[in-house]
């Protein structure tokens, strides 16, 4: 089982017993404003999503993790990546994360995501991880840059969101770049 400990966190795969906390995170429309396609409206929706996350992990198609506080084991967020391609050189993934509002701006996402990226490049045969966000989502841009992602593209009015077309920023990090960062 893949499980990580950092200074303040335990980052671990989801379990079926996480359903209530999982639904709490995924039903928060304000918190998931920028990733509204994963919002769950009912406990049944959350259960389907949770089972899918567990199965993707078991089948090696994704690495999706609950972020919990060490002292109380409460789930406060999520981080991870889906495997989008497998090449002769290694895996390519697409990463995402979110955290409950009361735990934002405390460095938890940065701490957990650094550890997951370390695993991706050192132990999971990943050679490249991509991510992205809307231009207006400054907190996510900051996390991407703190963990080593570099902006590769800007797409003007590329995606419809909340009634308007919005600009998107595409970021990526590769294994060679990650190896030069002090925290890897």
Protein backbone atom coordinates (compact mmCIF):
# COMPACT_ATOMS: atom_id res chain seq x y z
CA UNK A 1 0.00 0.00 0.00
CA UNK A 2 1.29 3.42 -0.93
CA UNK A 3 1.31 5.72 2.09
CA UNK A 4 3.41 8.74 2.93
CA UNK A 5 4.15 10.71 6.05
CA UNK A 6 5.37 14.27 6.03
CA UNK A 7 6.10 16.55 8.94
CA UNK A 8 2.41 17.27 9.59
CA UNK A 9 0.46 14.93 7.31
CA UNK A 10 -0.37 11.40 6.33
CA UNK A 11 -1.06 11.05 2.62
CA UNK A 12 -2.80 7.77 1.88
CA UNK A 13 -5.12 6.02 -0.57
CA UNK A 14 -8.84 6.37 -0.01
CA UNK A 15 -10.76 3.70 1.86
CA UNK A 16 -14.46 2.87 1.67
CA UNK A 17 -14.82 4.10 5.25
CA UNK A 18 -13.88 7.62 4.06
CA UNK A 19 -17.26 8.12 2.40
CA UNK A 20 -18.69 10.72 4.77
CA UNK A 21 -15.56 12.89 4.78
CA UNK A 22 -15.12 12.38 1.04
CA UNK A 23 -18.64 13.62 0.37
CA UNK A 24 -18.08 16.58 2.68
CA UNK A 25 -15.09 17.63 0.57
CA UNK A 26 -16.69 16.99 -2.81
CA UNK A 27 -20.03 18.62 -2.05
CA UNK A 28 -18.52 22.00 -1.15
CA UNK A 29 -19.46 24.04 -4.24
CA UNK A 30 -17.60 27.13 -3.08
CA UNK A 31 -14.39 25.23 -2.45
CA UNK A 32 -14.64 23.30 -5.74
CA UNK A 33 -15.58 26.35 -7.79
CA UNK A 34 -12.74 25.79 -10.25
CA UNK A 35 -13.17 22.01 -10.48
CA UNK A 36 -16.94 21.85 -10.47
CA UNK A 37 -17.02 18.71 -12.62
CA UNK A 38 -16.13 16.58 -9.57
CA UNK A 39 -18.79 17.97 -7.22
CA UNK A 40 -21.04 15.33 -5.68
CA UNK A 41 -24.63 16.29 -4.95
CA UNK A 42 -25.69 13.18 -3.06
CA UNK A 43 -24.10 10.53 -0.89
CA UNK A 44 -24.74 8.07 -3.72
CA UNK A 45 -22.75 10.27 -6.13
CA UNK A 46 -19.95 10.45 -3.60
CA UNK A 47 -19.95 6.69 -3.12
CA UNK A 48 -19.65 6.11 -6.88
CA UNK A 49 -16.81 8.63 -7.09
CA UNK A 50 -15.01 7.13 -4.09
CA UNK A 51 -15.29 3.59 -5.47
CA UNK A 52 -13.95 4.82 -8.81
CA UNK A 53 -10.99 6.50 -7.08
CA UNK A 54 -10.21 3.29 -5.17
CA UNK A 55 -10.52 1.13 -8.30
CA UNK A 56 -8.33 3.45 -10.40
CA UNK A 57 -5.69 3.23 -7.69
CA UNK A 58 -5.94 -0.56 -7.47
CA UNK A 59 -5.72 -0.88 -11.27
CA UNK A 60 -2.65 1.36 -11.49
CA UNK A 61 -4.45 3.96 -13.61
CA UNK A 62 -4.26 6.70 -10.99
CA UNK A 63 -2.63 7.71 -7.74
CA UNK A 64 -5.34 9.48 -5.75
CA UNK A 65 -4.66 10.26 -2.12
CA UNK A 66 -6.50 11.60 0.91
CA UNK A 67 -4.55 14.19 2.87
CA UNK A 68 -5.00 13.74 6.61
CA UNK A 69 -3.63 15.54 9.61
CA UNK A 70 -1.24 13.35 11.62
CA UNK A 71 -2.63 14.34 14.98
CA UNK A 72 -6.30 13.56 14.32
CA UNK A 73 -6.40 11.63 11.02
CA UNK A 74 -9.11 13.98 9.69
CA UNK A 75 -9.23 14.19 5.89
CA UNK A 76 -8.55 17.81 4.93
CA UNK A 77 -7.92 17.52 1.20
CA UNK A 78 -6.72 15.45 -1.71
CA UNK A 79 -3.84 15.27 -4.14
CA UNK A 80 -2.77 12.87 -6.84
CA UNK A 81 -2.50 12.15 -10.51
CA UNK A 82 -4.10 10.05 -13.21
CA UNK A 83 -1.90 8.13 -15.63
CA UNK A 84 -2.68 9.63 -19.03
CA UNK A 85 -0.11 7.76 -21.13
CA UNK A 86 2.47 5.01 -20.84
CA UNK A 87 5.48 5.36 -23.13
CA UNK A 88 8.58 3.19 -23.55
CA UNK A 89 10.37 5.80 -21.38
CA UNK A 90 7.82 5.84 -18.57
CA UNK A 91 4.45 7.12 -17.45
CA UNK A 92 2.88 10.51 -18.05
CA UNK A 93 0.35 11.80 -15.55
CA UNK A 94 -2.02 14.68 -14.97
CA UNK A 95 -2.17 16.03 -11.41
CA UNK A 96 -4.75 17.83 -9.33
CA UNK A 97 -5.49 18.74 -5.72
CA UNK A 98 -7.89 20.55 -3.42
CA UNK A 99 -8.20 21.32 0.27
CA UNK A 100 -11.03 22.31 2.59
CA UNK A 101 -11.27 26.10 3.10
CA UNK A 102 -10.36 26.04 6.80
CA UNK A 103 -7.01 24.42 5.93
CA UNK A 104 -6.03 26.68 3.04
CA UNK A 105 -2.96 28.92 3.18
CA UNK A 106 -1.16 26.68 5.67
CA UNK A 107 1.14 24.90 3.21
CA UNK A 108 -0.61 21.52 3.47
CA UNK A 109 -1.22 21.10 -0.27
CA UNK A 110 2.36 22.07 -1.07
CA UNK A 111 3.70 19.64 1.55
CA UNK A 112 1.55 16.72 0.38
CA UNK A 113 2.00 17.37 -3.34
CA UNK A 114 5.79 17.58 -3.08
CA UNK A 115 5.79 14.15 -1.47
CA UNK A 116 3.49 12.66 -4.13
CA UNK A 117 5.64 14.12 -6.92
CA UNK A 118 8.73 12.66 -5.27
CA UNK A 119 7.04 9.26 -5.34
CA UNK A 120 5.89 9.72 -8.96
CA UNK A 121 9.38 10.40 -10.26
CA UNK A 122 11.45 8.14 -8.00
CA UNK A 123 9.18 5.13 -7.53
CA UNK A 124 6.29 5.17 -10.03
CA UNK A 125 8.29 5.47 -13.26
CA UNK A 126 6.75 8.82 -14.20
CA UNK A 127 8.70 10.96 -16.63
CA UNK A 128 6.28 13.89 -16.88
CA UNK A 129 3.35 15.28 -14.90
CA UNK A 130 1.05 18.00 -16.22
CA UNK A 131 -1.49 20.20 -14.49
CA UNK A 132 -3.27 23.50 -15.09
CA UNK A 133 -5.76 26.04 -13.88
CA UNK A 134 -7.76 29.08 -14.84
CA UNK A 135 -5.65 32.23 -15.01
CA UNK A 136 -7.70 33.82 -12.21
CA UNK A 137 -6.93 30.94 -9.80
CA UNK A 138 -3.84 32.53 -8.26
CA UNK A 139 -3.59 30.21 -5.19
CA UNK A 140 -3.33 27.16 -7.43
CA UNK A 141 -0.72 28.86 -9.61
CA UNK A 142 1.34 29.52 -6.49
CA UNK A 143 1.19 25.88 -5.41
CA UNK A 144 2.19 24.72 -8.90
CA UNK A 145 5.24 26.96 -8.88
CA UNK A 146 6.23 26.06 -5.29
CA UNK A 147 6.31 22.35 -6.11
CA UNK A 148 8.32 22.82 -9.30
CA UNK A 149 5.81 23.01 -12.12
CA UNK A 150 6.61 25.50 -14.89
CA UNK A 151 4.09 27.22 -17.10
CA UNK A 152 4.22 25.85 -20.64
CA UNK A 153 1.21 27.39 -22.32
CA UNK A 154 -1.49 29.99 -22.01
CA UNK A 155 -4.79 29.31 -23.73
CA UNK A 156 -6.91 32.42 -24.25
CA UNK A 157 -10.65 32.01 -23.64
CA UNK A 158 -10.10 28.28 -23.82
CA UNK A 159 -12.77 26.91 -21.52
CA UNK A 160 -16.34 27.73 -20.61
CA UNK A 161 -16.76 28.16 -16.86
CA UNK A 162 -19.37 29.91 -14.74
CA UNK A 163 -21.07 31.53 -17.73
CA UNK A 164 -17.98 32.90 -19.51
CA UNK A 165 -14.99 31.77 -21.52
CA UNK A 166 -11.86 31.79 -19.37
CA UNK A 167 -8.13 31.71 -19.98
CA UNK A 168 -6.30 28.51 -18.96
CA UNK A 169 -2.69 28.05 -17.97
CA UNK A 170 -0.95 24.73 -18.62
CA UNK A 171 1.93 23.66 -16.38
CA UNK A 172 4.22 20.63 -16.35
CA UNK A 173 7.24 19.14 -14.60
CA UNK A 174 9.44 16.37 -15.91
CA UNK A 175 11.69 13.91 -14.13
CA UNK A 176 14.90 15.68 -15.16
CA UNK A 177 13.68 19.04 -13.87
CA UNK A 178 12.36 17.50 -10.65
CA UNK A 179 15.77 15.96 -9.94
CA UNK A 180 17.30 19.45 -9.81
CA UNK A 181 14.90 20.76 -7.17
CA UNK A 182 16.19 20.85 -3.59
CA UNK A 183 13.23 19.00 -2.09
CA UNK A 184 13.42 15.95 -4.38
